[in-house]
Amino acid sequence: MGGFGGCSHSVLQALRGEIPEAFTEAFQSSDPSFAALTAQYRTDADDGKGSPIDYAGELAYLSSVGLAGLDNGLAEGENNTLSTSKNLPEIVYLILKGLSQSLK
């Protein structure tokens, strides 16, 4: 449901091969609290206590999956419609259709 913006819009941009600003370290580091959290993740990863944050890797993965590879019960065109729609009945219909197809 990327038509309303927010996180889902950024994920859908990445699925389309775009580079959403929210998926960049520069954007995420602009918040001092998050910058401190990122530094802690890096320290933990260096100490073998976790995985490093890899924006480029996550973007590459989402781009390689694309809308066609979501495996959510919807065809690529339906996922494209769902990604831009602001029509609530259409959104609900597509979500329910995808769920019903996935449960078969």
C-alpha atoms as a PDB file:
ATOM      1  CA  MET A   1       0.000   0.000   0.000  1.00  0.00           C
ATOM      2  CA  GLY A   2       2.597   2.502  -1.065  1.00  0.00           C
ATOM      3  CA  GLY A   3       0.048   5.002  -2.364  1.00  0.00           C
ATOM      4  CA  PHE A   4      -0.186   6.587   1.065  1.00  0.00           C
ATOM      5  CA  GLY A   5       3.573   7.077   1.411  1.00  0.00           C
ATOM      6  CA  GLY A   6       5.592   6.112   4.437  1.00  0.00           C
ATOM      7  CA  CYS A   7       7.724   3.018   4.882  1.00  0.00           C
ATOM      8  CA  SER A   8       5.741   0.875   2.456  1.00  0.00           C
ATOM      9  CA  HIS A   9       6.269   3.493  -0.261  1.00  0.00           C
ATOM     10  CA  SER A  10      10.036   3.320   0.298  1.00  0.00           C
ATOM     11  CA  VAL A  11      10.012  -0.491   0.178  1.00  0.00           C
ATOM     12  CA  LEU A  12       8.019  -0.403  -3.056  1.00  0.00           C
ATOM     13  CA  GLN A  13      10.481   2.072  -4.565  1.00  0.00           C
ATOM     14  CA  ALA A  14      13.273  -0.377  -3.719  1.00  0.00           C
ATOM     15  CA  LEU A  15      11.300  -3.270  -5.263  1.00  0.00           C
ATOM     16  CA  ARG A  16      11.122  -1.195  -8.453  1.00  0.00           C
ATOM     17  CA  GLY A  17      14.908  -0.753  -8.471  1.00  0.00           C
ATOM     18  CA  GLU A  18      14.848   2.827  -7.259  1.00  0.00           C
ATOM     19  CA  ILE A  19      16.956   4.113  -4.359  1.00  0.00           C
ATOM     20  CA  PRO A  20      14.598   5.633  -1.810  1.00  0.00           C
ATOM     21  CA  GLU A  21      16.189   8.259   0.393  1.00  0.00           C
ATOM     22  CA  ALA A  22      15.062   6.398   3.524  1.00  0.00           C
ATOM     23  CA  PHE A  23      17.263   3.442   2.503  1.00  0.00           C
ATOM     24  CA  THR A  24      20.470   5.447   2.611  1.00  0.00           C
ATOM     25  CA  GLU A  25      22.862   5.700   5.501  1.00  0.00           C
ATOM     26  CA  ALA A  26      23.044   9.472   5.070  1.00  0.00           C
ATOM     27  CA  PHE A  27      19.292   9.803   5.631  1.00  0.00           C
ATOM     28  CA  GLN A  28      19.226   7.400   8.571  1.00  0.00           C
ATOM     29  CA  SER A  29      22.267   9.019  10.185  1.00  0.00           C
ATOM     30  CA  SER A  30      20.624  12.443  10.134  1.00  0.00           C
ATOM     31  CA  ASP A  31      18.814  11.453  13.339  1.00  0.00           C
ATOM     32  CA  PRO A  32      21.363  11.573  16.204  1.00  0.00           C
ATOM     33  CA  SER A  33      19.581   8.802  18.122  1.00  0.00           C
ATOM     34  CA  PHE A  34      19.670   6.495  15.135  1.00  0.00           C
ATOM     35  CA  ALA A  35      23.288   7.391  14.414  1.00  0.00           C
ATOM     36  CA  ALA A  36      24.180   6.227  17.939  1.00  0.00           C
ATOM     37  CA  LEU A  37      22.204   3.017  17.438  1.00  0.00           C
ATOM     38  CA  THR A  38      23.984   2.407  14.131  1.00  0.00           C
ATOM     39  CA  ALA A  39      27.334   2.861  15.833  1.00  0.00           C
ATOM     40  CA  GLN A  40      26.338   0.263  18.434  1.00  0.00           C
ATOM     41  CA  TYR A  41      25.281  -2.185  15.702  1.00  0.00           C
ATOM     42  CA  ARG A  42      28.661  -1.699  14.006  1.00  0.00           C
ATOM     43  CA  THR A  43      30.495  -2.348  17.271  1.00  0.00           C
ATOM     44  CA  ASP A  44      28.399  -5.454  17.915  1.00  0.00           C
ATOM     45  CA  ALA A  45      29.002  -6.736  14.368  1.00  0.00           C
ATOM     46  CA  ASP A  46      32.744  -6.165  14.727  1.00  0.00           C
ATOM     47  CA  ASP A  47      32.609  -8.199  17.966  1.00  0.00           C
ATOM     48  CA  GLY A  48      30.734 -11.031  16.220  1.00  0.00           C
ATOM     49  CA  LYS A  49      27.467 -10.311  18.029  1.00  0.00           C
ATOM     50  CA  GLY A  50      25.368  -9.520  14.990  1.00  0.00           C
ATOM     51  CA  SER A  51      25.304  -8.585  11.348  1.00  0.00           C
ATOM     52  CA  PRO A  52      26.352  -5.203  10.018  1.00  0.00           C
ATOM     53  CA  ILE A  53      23.773  -2.844   8.570  1.00  0.00           C
ATOM     54  CA  ASP A  54      23.986  -3.220   4.794  1.00  0.00           C
ATOM     55  CA  TYR A  55      21.797  -0.695   2.994  1.00  0.00           C
ATOM     56  CA  ALA A  56      23.237  -1.510  -0.444  1.00  0.00           C
ATOM     57  CA  GLY A  57      22.731  -5.236   0.100  1.00  0.00           C
ATOM     58  CA  GLU A  58      19.120  -4.804   1.189  1.00  0.00           C
ATOM     59  CA  LEU A  59      18.412  -2.549  -1.781  1.00  0.00           C
ATOM     60  CA  ALA A  60      20.005  -5.059  -4.159  1.00  0.00           C
ATOM     61  CA  TYR A  61      17.885  -7.867  -2.692  1.00  0.00           C
ATOM     62  CA  LEU A  62      14.615  -5.943  -2.948  1.00  0.00           C
ATOM     63  CA  SER A  63      15.451  -4.822  -6.467  1.00  0.00           C
ATOM     64  CA  SER A  64      16.198  -8.417  -7.508  1.00  0.00           C
ATOM     65  CA  VAL A  65      12.873  -9.643  -6.079  1.00  0.00           C
ATOM     66  CA  GLY A  66      10.794  -6.923  -7.704  1.00  0.00           C
ATOM     67  CA  LEU A  67       7.012  -6.742  -7.657  1.00  0.00           C
ATOM     68  CA  ALA A  68       6.787  -9.979  -9.660  1.00  0.00           C
ATOM     69  CA  GLY A  69       8.673 -11.953  -7.011  1.00  0.00           C
ATOM     70  CA  LEU A  70       6.670 -11.033  -3.922  1.00  0.00           C
ATOM     71  CA  ASP A  71       4.971 -14.454  -3.731  1.00  0.00           C
ATOM     72  CA  ASN A  72       1.927 -12.898  -2.084  1.00  0.00           C
ATOM     73  CA  GLY A  73      -0.792 -14.451  -4.223  1.00  0.00           C
ATOM     74  CA  LEU A  74      -1.054 -11.474  -6.565  1.00  0.00           C
ATOM     75  CA  ALA A  75       0.166 -11.050 -10.129  1.00  0.00           C
ATOM     76  CA  GLU A  76       2.750  -8.386 -10.901  1.00  0.00           C
ATOM     77  CA  GLY A  77       0.079  -6.033 -12.298  1.00  0.00           C
ATOM     78  CA  GLU A  78      -2.054  -6.451  -9.196  1.00  0.00           C
ATOM     79  CA  ASN A  79       0.959  -5.715  -7.000  1.00  0.00           C
ATOM     80  CA  ASN A  80       1.618  -2.636  -9.090  1.00  0.00           C
ATOM     81  CA  THR A  81      -1.980  -1.489  -8.585  1.00  0.00           C
ATOM     82  CA  LEU A  82      -1.778  -2.195  -4.855  1.00  0.00           C
ATOM     83  CA  SER A  83       1.473  -0.256  -4.621  1.00  0.00           C
ATOM     84  CA  THR A  84      -0.067   2.978  -5.889  1.00  0.00           C
ATOM     85  CA  SER A  85      -3.767   2.778  -5.057  1.00  0.00           C
ATOM     86  CA  LYS A  86      -5.452   5.171  -2.653  1.00  0.00           C
ATOM     87  CA  ASN A  87      -8.827   3.507  -3.214  1.00  0.00           C
ATOM     88  CA  LEU A  88      -9.584   1.667   0.046  1.00  0.00           C
ATOM     89  CA  PRO A  89     -12.106  -0.851  -1.397  1.00  0.00           C
ATOM     90  CA  GLU A  90      -9.603  -1.741  -4.142  1.00  0.00           C
ATOM     91  CA  ILE A  91      -6.802  -2.110  -1.575  1.00  0.00           C
ATOM     92  CA  VAL A  92      -8.910  -4.350   0.676  1.00  0.00           C
ATOM     93  CA  TYR A  93      -9.993  -6.451  -2.309  1.00  0.00           C
ATOM     94  CA  LEU A  94      -6.399  -6.997  -3.463  1.00  0.00           C
ATOM     95  CA  ILE A  95      -5.164  -7.837   0.028  1.00  0.00           C
ATOM     96  CA  LEU A  96      -7.973 -10.350   0.541  1.00  0.00           C
ATOM     97  CA  LYS A  97      -7.396 -11.816  -2.926  1.00  0.00           C
ATOM     98  CA  GLY A  98      -3.691 -12.237  -2.208  1.00  0.00           C
ATOM     99  CA  LEU A  99      -4.389 -13.866   1.144  1.00  0.00           C
ATOM    100  CA  SER A 100      -6.942 -16.251  -0.312  1.00  0.00           C
ATOM    101  CA  GLN A 101      -4.550 -17.239  -3.136  1.00  0.00           C
ATOM    102  CA  SER A 102      -1.700 -17.756  -0.683  1.00  0.00           C
ATOM    103  CA  LEU A 103      -3.780 -20.100   1.481  1.00  0.00           C
ATOM    104  CA  LYS A 104      -4.590 -22.459  -1.414  1.00  0.00           C
END
